[in-house]
Protein backbone atom coordinates (compact mmCIF):
# COMPACT_ATOMS: atom_id res chain seq x y z
CA UNK A 1 -27.16 4.43 -9.77
CA UNK A 2 -26.20 3.01 -6.39
CA UNK A 3 -23.22 2.53 -4.12
CA UNK A 4 -22.06 -0.22 -1.78
CA UNK A 5 -18.96 -0.09 0.39
CA UNK A 6 -17.41 -2.53 2.80
CA UNK A 7 -14.11 -3.16 4.48
CA UNK A 8 -12.33 -6.50 3.84
CA UNK A 9 -9.96 -7.65 6.43
CA UNK A 10 -7.54 -10.16 4.97
CA UNK A 11 -5.65 -12.68 7.12
CA UNK A 12 -1.93 -12.29 7.46
CA UNK A 13 -0.10 -13.54 4.40
CA UNK A 14 3.62 -14.24 4.10
CA UNK A 15 5.77 -11.94 2.07
CA UNK A 16 4.98 -12.45 -1.73
CA UNK A 17 2.12 -12.15 -4.21
CA UNK A 18 -1.17 -13.76 -3.18
CA UNK A 19 -4.40 -14.26 -5.21
CA UNK A 20 -7.27 -12.69 -3.32
CA UNK A 21 -9.88 -12.61 -6.04
CA UNK A 22 -12.18 -15.09 -4.19
CA UNK A 23 -11.82 -13.06 -0.93
CA UNK A 24 -13.09 -10.04 -2.88
CA UNK A 25 -16.04 -11.92 -4.19
CA UNK A 26 -17.04 -13.20 -0.86
CA UNK A 27 -16.94 -9.70 0.61
CA UNK A 28 -19.47 -8.41 -1.90
CA UNK A 29 -22.25 -10.98 -2.18
CA UNK A 30 -24.54 -8.45 -4.04
CA UNK A 31 -22.06 -8.18 -6.90
CA UNK A 32 -23.94 -11.06 -8.65
CA UNK A 33 -27.01 -8.82 -9.16
CA UNK A 34 -25.02 -6.04 -10.87
CA UNK A 35 -25.58 -5.74 -14.61
CA UNK A 36 -22.98 -2.94 -15.23
CA UNK A 37 -20.79 -1.35 -12.60
CA UNK A 38 -17.28 -0.62 -11.29
CA UNK A 39 -15.48 -2.02 -8.32
CA UNK A 40 -12.80 0.10 -6.74
CA UNK A 41 -10.37 -1.83 -4.45
CA UNK A 42 -8.18 0.24 -2.12
CA UNK A 43 -5.60 -1.06 0.33
CA UNK A 44 -5.03 0.97 3.46
CA UNK A 45 -1.28 0.31 3.91
CA UNK A 46 1.90 1.69 2.72
CA UNK A 47 3.97 -1.43 2.75
CA UNK A 48 1.68 -3.73 0.71
CA UNK A 49 0.02 -3.16 -2.70
CA UNK A 50 -2.45 -4.47 -5.13
CA UNK A 51 -2.05 -5.78 -8.70
CA UNK A 52 -3.84 -7.63 -11.44
CA UNK A 53 -1.79 -10.40 -13.07
CA UNK A 54 -1.83 -13.89 -14.29
CA UNK A 55 -3.78 -16.19 -12.00
CA UNK A 56 -2.95 -19.63 -13.51
CA UNK A 57 0.77 -20.36 -13.36
CA UNK A 58 2.29 -20.49 -9.80
CA UNK A 59 5.59 -19.42 -11.29
CA UNK A 60 4.28 -15.92 -11.96
CA UNK A 61 3.96 -14.80 -8.31
CA UNK A 62 7.39 -16.33 -7.48
CA UNK A 63 8.95 -14.53 -10.40
CA UNK A 64 7.20 -11.22 -9.51
CA UNK A 65 8.53 -11.46 -5.91
CA UNK A 66 12.09 -12.18 -7.14
CA UNK A 67 11.93 -9.26 -9.67
CA UNK A 68 10.73 -6.78 -7.16
CA UNK A 69 13.35 -7.86 -4.65
CA UNK A 70 15.96 -7.16 -7.34
CA UNK A 71 14.37 -3.72 -8.04
CA UNK A 72 14.23 -2.71 -4.37
CA UNK A 73 16.75 -4.77 -2.47
CA UNK A 74 17.07 -4.65 1.26
CA UNK A 75 20.86 -4.08 0.89
CA UNK A 76 20.25 -0.64 -0.64
CA UNK A 77 21.49 2.15 1.64
CA UNK A 78 18.14 3.51 2.70
CA UNK A 79 17.90 6.35 5.21
CA UNK A 80 14.51 5.19 6.64
CA UNK A 81 15.53 2.04 8.52
CA UNK A 82 13.90 2.35 11.97
CA UNK A 83 11.18 -0.34 11.20
CA UNK A 84 13.63 -3.01 9.97
CA UNK A 85 15.45 -3.76 6.68
CA UNK A 86 12.23 -4.93 4.84
CA UNK A 87 10.31 -1.70 5.55
CA UNK A 88 11.71 0.80 3.11
CA UNK A 89 11.98 -1.66 0.25
CA UNK A 90 8.31 -2.45 1.00
CA UNK A 91 7.37 1.30 0.60
CA UNK A 92 9.26 1.42 -2.70
CA UNK A 93 7.51 -1.70 -4.06
CA UNK A 94 4.12 -0.36 -2.91
CA UNK A 95 4.80 2.90 -4.69
CA UNK A 96 5.61 1.16 -7.90
CA UNK A 97 2.58 -1.09 -7.98
CA UNK A 98 -0.03 1.16 -6.30
CA UNK A 99 -2.69 1.19 -3.71
CA UNK A 100 -5.84 0.75 -5.75
CA UNK A 101 -7.57 -1.03 -8.65
CA UNK A 102 -10.68 -0.11 -10.67
CA UNK A 103 -12.30 -3.23 -12.24
CA UNK A 104 -15.37 -3.28 -14.43
CA UNK A 105 -18.31 -5.39 -13.36
CA UNK A 106 -20.39 -7.04 -16.08
CA UNK A 107 -23.36 -9.42 -15.63
CA UNK A 108 -22.53 -10.07 -11.96
CA UNK A 109 -18.79 -10.81 -12.40
CA UNK A 110 -15.55 -8.89 -12.32
CA UNK A 111 -14.75 -8.37 -15.94
CA UNK A 112 -11.23 -9.66 -15.65
CA UNK A 113 -9.39 -11.29 -18.55
CA UNK A 114 -9.28 -15.09 -18.72
CA UNK A 115 -5.95 -15.28 -16.99
CA UNK A 116 -6.28 -12.33 -14.60
CA UNK A 117 -6.64 -12.34 -10.88
CA UNK A 118 -6.42 -9.79 -8.06
CA UNK A 119 -3.21 -9.99 -6.00
CA UNK A 120 -2.31 -8.81 -2.57
CA UNK A 121 1.39 -7.90 -2.84
CA UNK A 122 2.70 -8.34 0.66
CA UNK A 123 6.12 -6.68 0.84
CA UNK A 124 6.91 -7.19 4.52
CA UNK A 125 8.17 -10.37 6.12
CA UNK A 126 5.51 -10.06 8.81
CA UNK A 127 3.02 -7.56 7.49
CA UNK A 128 0.05 -8.84 9.46
CA UNK A 129 -3.61 -8.47 8.54
CA UNK A 130 -4.39 -6.09 5.69
CA UNK A 131 -7.51 -3.97 5.17
CA UNK A 132 -9.16 -3.26 1.88
CA UNK A 133 -11.94 -0.83 1.17
CA UNK A 134 -14.29 -2.21 -1.56
CA UNK A 135 -16.48 0.26 -3.26
CA UNK A 136 -19.01 -0.94 -5.79
CA UNK A 137 -20.79 1.55 -8.08
CA UNK A 138 -23.83 0.34 -9.95
């Protein structure tokens, strides 16, 4: 059994849900030699999150963004407001979605379903670059 870990720095993305599966693959070139393993993906931020969801229809990320904005609106009377009106709703959304994913690796590929992809869920208007820790166990 072996371990590999790297940090993936993502470029800044606008607010919304963004497919990053290809970014993850490029960050772990040795994944192609793994017969059976696990990939743990962890985001080092409290106002962005990770999700696995449909990767084919561009309406899905738009609908997810609209739904989460309805669940945690900026107009709610939050107490924590010192970082702007999008900050506390971003923390709520990140808490709901979570900060990590565990994905099986089979025959050199992430064993995602046919229509599944890894999403960066950017909950801030100007979140900036995001850092992921990728840990591959073989």
